[in-house]
Amino acid sequence: MVRMSAEERRESVIRAAIAEFAQRGYFGTSTEAIAQRVGVSQPYLFRLFPGKKAIFAAASLRCIEDTCRILEDAAEGLEGDEARHAMANAYVRLLTEHPETLQMQMQTYITVAAAEAEGDHAFGEAVRAGWMKLWGTVHLPLGADVSDTTTFLAYGMLINTLTAMGFPAEHQVWQGMYPSARITGRLEK
């Protein structure tokens, strides 16, 4: 049996945390469930991360990083409408192939709001910094136009919302969207 390095275990924990938190949220997920999914003990889990908040933050930020990487790859060498269409297609593919990404995004927004309401601003600051990286990722390929960047991200949030609510691809709420934005079927929970 090949032993994993601490970094490989850490990566396994982040992926397991995304799957668990995406389904049950921050408050509904136990660190025990994450440890079991990875096949490690809870004490080992806490050697890799200082606590549940740190695990959730790593999972949330990983989703943002993955989204940025996918959009960067899609827009490479493209500008304007070509970049917009390539990034839109890549984002819809991401949500279709990895529904946990959308679910984790939605759980992240809820958790930021809850933390902010309790006076814990550190998590929100980290997520907002990640969001600004996402903003920058789409800004340049769209011609560094603030309006185009805002519109692109607004459509992305609309896609997130309609998909999370389970609207099928043929529903009228999708009319007027870029055709590839229609995600077929409901995202599985």
Protein backbone atom coordinates (compact mmCIF):
# COMPACT_ATOMS: atom_id res chain seq x y z
CA MET A 1 0.00 0.00 0.00
CA VAL A 2 1.32 3.40 -1.04
CA ARG A 3 1.26 6.03 1.68
CA MET A 4 0.04 9.49 0.84
CA SER A 5 2.00 12.57 1.75
CA ALA A 6 0.47 15.12 4.09
CA GLU A 7 -0.20 17.36 1.08
CA GLU A 8 -1.99 14.53 -0.75
CA ARG A 9 -4.07 13.84 2.38
CA ARG A 10 -4.82 17.53 2.70
CA GLU A 11 -6.03 17.54 -0.91
CA SER A 12 -8.18 14.47 -0.20
CA VAL A 13 -9.70 16.24 2.80
CA ILE A 14 -10.53 19.33 0.72
CA ARG A 15 -12.26 17.22 -1.96
CA ALA A 16 -14.16 15.23 0.69
CA ALA A 17 -15.11 18.44 2.48
CA ILE A 18 -16.50 19.90 -0.75
CA ALA A 19 -18.69 16.82 -1.21
CA GLU A 20 -19.89 16.82 2.41
CA PHE A 21 -20.38 20.57 2.89
CA ALA A 22 -22.06 20.90 -0.53
CA GLN A 23 -24.73 18.45 0.59
CA ARG A 24 -25.26 19.45 4.20
CA GLY A 25 -23.77 22.91 4.66
CA TYR A 26 -21.37 24.07 7.33
CA PHE A 27 -23.66 23.47 10.28
CA GLY A 28 -25.02 20.14 9.03
CA THR A 29 -21.65 18.55 8.30
CA SER A 30 -19.56 16.87 10.95
CA THR A 31 -15.81 16.62 10.78
CA GLU A 32 -16.34 12.93 11.53
CA ALA A 33 -18.18 12.54 8.19
CA ILE A 34 -15.29 14.21 6.36
CA ALA A 35 -12.71 12.05 8.13
CA GLN A 36 -14.68 8.90 7.31
CA ARG A 37 -14.98 9.88 3.65
CA VAL A 38 -11.20 10.31 3.46
CA GLY A 39 -10.42 7.30 5.60
CA VAL A 40 -8.53 9.11 8.33
CA SER A 41 -9.15 9.71 12.01
CA GLN A 42 -10.51 13.00 13.30
CA PRO A 43 -7.26 13.69 15.20
CA TYR A 44 -5.34 13.29 11.93
CA LEU A 45 -7.81 15.62 10.21
CA PHE A 46 -7.01 18.25 12.84
CA ARG A 47 -3.29 17.83 12.25
CA LEU A 48 -3.95 18.92 8.66
CA PHE A 49 -6.39 21.74 9.51
CA PRO A 50 -6.80 23.65 12.78
CA GLY A 51 -10.58 23.22 12.86
CA LYS A 52 -13.86 22.86 11.00
CA LYS A 53 -13.88 26.53 9.92
CA ALA A 54 -10.46 26.09 8.31
CA ILE A 55 -11.66 22.99 6.44
CA PHE A 56 -14.77 24.81 5.22
CA ALA A 57 -12.70 27.82 4.15
CA ALA A 58 -10.28 25.61 2.23
CA ALA A 59 -13.18 23.88 0.48
CA SER A 60 -14.89 27.18 -0.38
CA LEU A 61 -11.73 28.79 -1.69
CA ARG A 62 -10.86 25.66 -3.69
CA CYS A 63 -14.19 25.93 -5.53
CA ILE A 64 -13.42 29.53 -6.41
CA GLU A 65 -9.88 28.60 -7.51
CA ASP A 66 -11.19 25.74 -9.65
CA THR A 67 -13.74 28.04 -11.27
CA CYS A 68 -11.06 30.66 -11.98
CA ARG A 69 -8.77 28.04 -13.52
CA ILE A 70 -11.53 26.70 -15.76
CA LEU A 71 -12.50 30.18 -16.94
CA GLU A 72 -8.85 31.16 -17.52
CA ASP A 73 -8.27 28.02 -19.58
CA ALA A 74 -11.43 28.63 -21.61
CA ALA A 75 -10.55 32.24 -22.39
CA GLU A 76 -6.88 31.66 -23.16
CA GLY A 77 -5.96 33.58 -26.30
CA LEU A 78 -9.52 34.89 -26.76
CA GLU A 79 -11.10 38.30 -26.27
CA GLY A 80 -14.53 39.88 -26.22
CA ASP A 81 -17.47 37.79 -27.42
CA GLU A 82 -15.28 34.77 -28.16
CA ALA A 83 -13.96 34.82 -24.59
CA ARG A 84 -17.45 35.40 -23.18
CA HIS A 85 -18.92 32.42 -25.04
CA ALA A 86 -15.97 30.17 -24.21
CA MET A 87 -16.12 31.06 -20.51
CA ALA A 88 -19.92 30.68 -20.41
CA ASN A 89 -19.67 27.24 -22.02
CA ALA A 90 -16.89 26.21 -19.64
CA TYR A 91 -18.86 27.37 -16.60
CA VAL A 92 -22.00 25.50 -17.63
CA ARG A 93 -19.87 22.39 -18.27
CA LEU A 94 -18.36 22.75 -14.80
CA LEU A 95 -21.78 22.94 -13.16
CA THR A 96 -23.11 20.06 -15.23
CA GLU A 97 -20.14 17.76 -14.67
CA HIS A 98 -19.46 18.79 -11.05
CA PRO A 99 -22.76 19.81 -9.41
CA GLU A 100 -21.05 19.90 -6.03
CA THR A 101 -19.28 23.07 -7.22
CA LEU A 102 -22.58 24.94 -7.43
CA GLN A 103 -23.85 23.46 -4.19
CA MET A 104 -20.62 24.45 -2.42
CA GLN A 105 -20.86 27.99 -3.82
CA MET A 106 -24.38 28.33 -2.46
CA GLN A 107 -23.34 26.93 0.94
CA THR A 108 -20.43 29.38 0.99
CA TYR A 109 -22.68 32.41 0.50
CA ILE A 110 -25.01 31.24 3.27
CA THR A 111 -22.09 30.61 5.62
CA VAL A 112 -20.52 34.00 4.91
CA ALA A 113 -23.83 35.69 5.73
CA ALA A 114 -24.16 33.70 8.96
CA ALA A 115 -20.57 34.45 10.00
CA GLU A 116 -20.96 38.15 9.23
CA ALA A 117 -24.18 38.28 11.28
CA GLU A 118 -22.24 36.87 14.23
CA GLY A 119 -19.44 39.42 13.81
CA ASP A 120 -16.96 36.97 12.26
CA HIS A 121 -15.65 38.87 9.26
CA ALA A 122 -12.48 36.87 8.51
CA PHE A 123 -14.22 34.16 6.49
CA GLY A 124 -16.18 36.74 4.50
CA GLU A 125 -12.99 38.66 3.77
CA ALA A 126 -11.32 35.52 2.40
CA VAL A 127 -14.32 34.67 0.24
CA ARG A 128 -14.59 38.26 -1.01
CA ALA A 129 -10.89 38.17 -1.96
CA GLY A 130 -11.57 34.94 -3.87
CA TRP A 131 -14.56 36.56 -5.58
CA MET A 132 -12.35 39.49 -6.63
CA LYS A 133 -9.91 37.01 -8.18
CA LEU A 134 -12.85 35.54 -10.09
CA TRP A 135 -13.87 39.06 -11.14
CA GLY A 136 -10.35 39.73 -12.41
CA THR A 137 -10.27 36.38 -14.21
CA VAL A 138 -13.19 37.40 -16.44
CA HIS A 139 -12.45 41.13 -16.56
CA LEU A 140 -9.44 41.14 -18.89
CA PRO A 141 -10.75 38.63 -21.47
CA LEU A 142 -13.94 40.71 -21.68
CA GLY A 143 -11.90 43.76 -22.68
CA ALA A 144 -11.46 45.15 -19.15
CA ASP A 145 -14.97 46.59 -19.38
CA VAL A 146 -16.60 46.89 -15.95
CA SER A 147 -20.12 46.67 -17.36
CA ASP A 148 -19.35 43.51 -19.38
CA THR A 149 -17.65 41.91 -16.38
CA THR A 150 -20.57 42.74 -14.10
CA THR A 151 -23.09 41.44 -16.65
CA PHE A 152 -21.16 38.20 -17.14
CA LEU A 153 -20.98 37.54 -13.40
CA ALA A 154 -24.63 38.53 -12.93
CA TYR A 155 -25.65 35.96 -15.55
CA GLY A 156 -23.47 33.42 -13.75
CA MET A 157 -25.31 34.09 -10.49
CA LEU A 158 -28.65 33.80 -12.30
CA ILE A 159 -27.54 30.46 -13.74
CA ASN A 160 -26.57 29.37 -10.22
CA THR A 161 -29.92 30.39 -8.79
CA LEU A 162 -32.09 28.86 -11.53
CA THR A 163 -30.08 25.65 -11.49
CA ALA A 164 -30.13 25.38 -7.69
CA MET A 165 -33.92 25.79 -7.77
CA GLY A 166 -34.14 22.93 -10.27
CA PHE A 167 -35.62 24.68 -13.30
CA PRO A 168 -35.43 22.25 -16.25
CA ALA A 169 -33.69 23.39 -19.44
CA GLU A 170 -36.95 23.83 -21.35
CA HIS A 171 -38.53 26.11 -18.72
CA GLN A 172 -39.40 29.66 -19.76
CA VAL A 173 -37.09 31.17 -17.12
CA TRP A 174 -34.16 30.22 -19.34
CA GLN A 175 -35.47 32.25 -22.31
CA GLY A 176 -33.08 34.97 -23.28
CA MET A 177 -30.08 33.22 -21.79
CA TYR A 178 -27.13 32.25 -23.92
CA PRO A 179 -28.19 28.77 -25.19
CA SER A 180 -25.37 26.88 -23.50
CA ALA A 181 -26.44 28.34 -20.16
CA ARG A 182 -29.40 25.99 -19.99
CA ILE A 183 -28.34 23.19 -17.75
CA THR A 184 -30.20 20.03 -18.51
CA GLY A 185 -31.88 18.38 -15.59
CA ARG A 186 -31.65 19.16 -11.94
CA LEU A 187 -28.38 19.13 -10.10
CA GLU A 188 -28.25 16.12 -7.81
CA LYS A 189 -27.96 16.71 -4.10
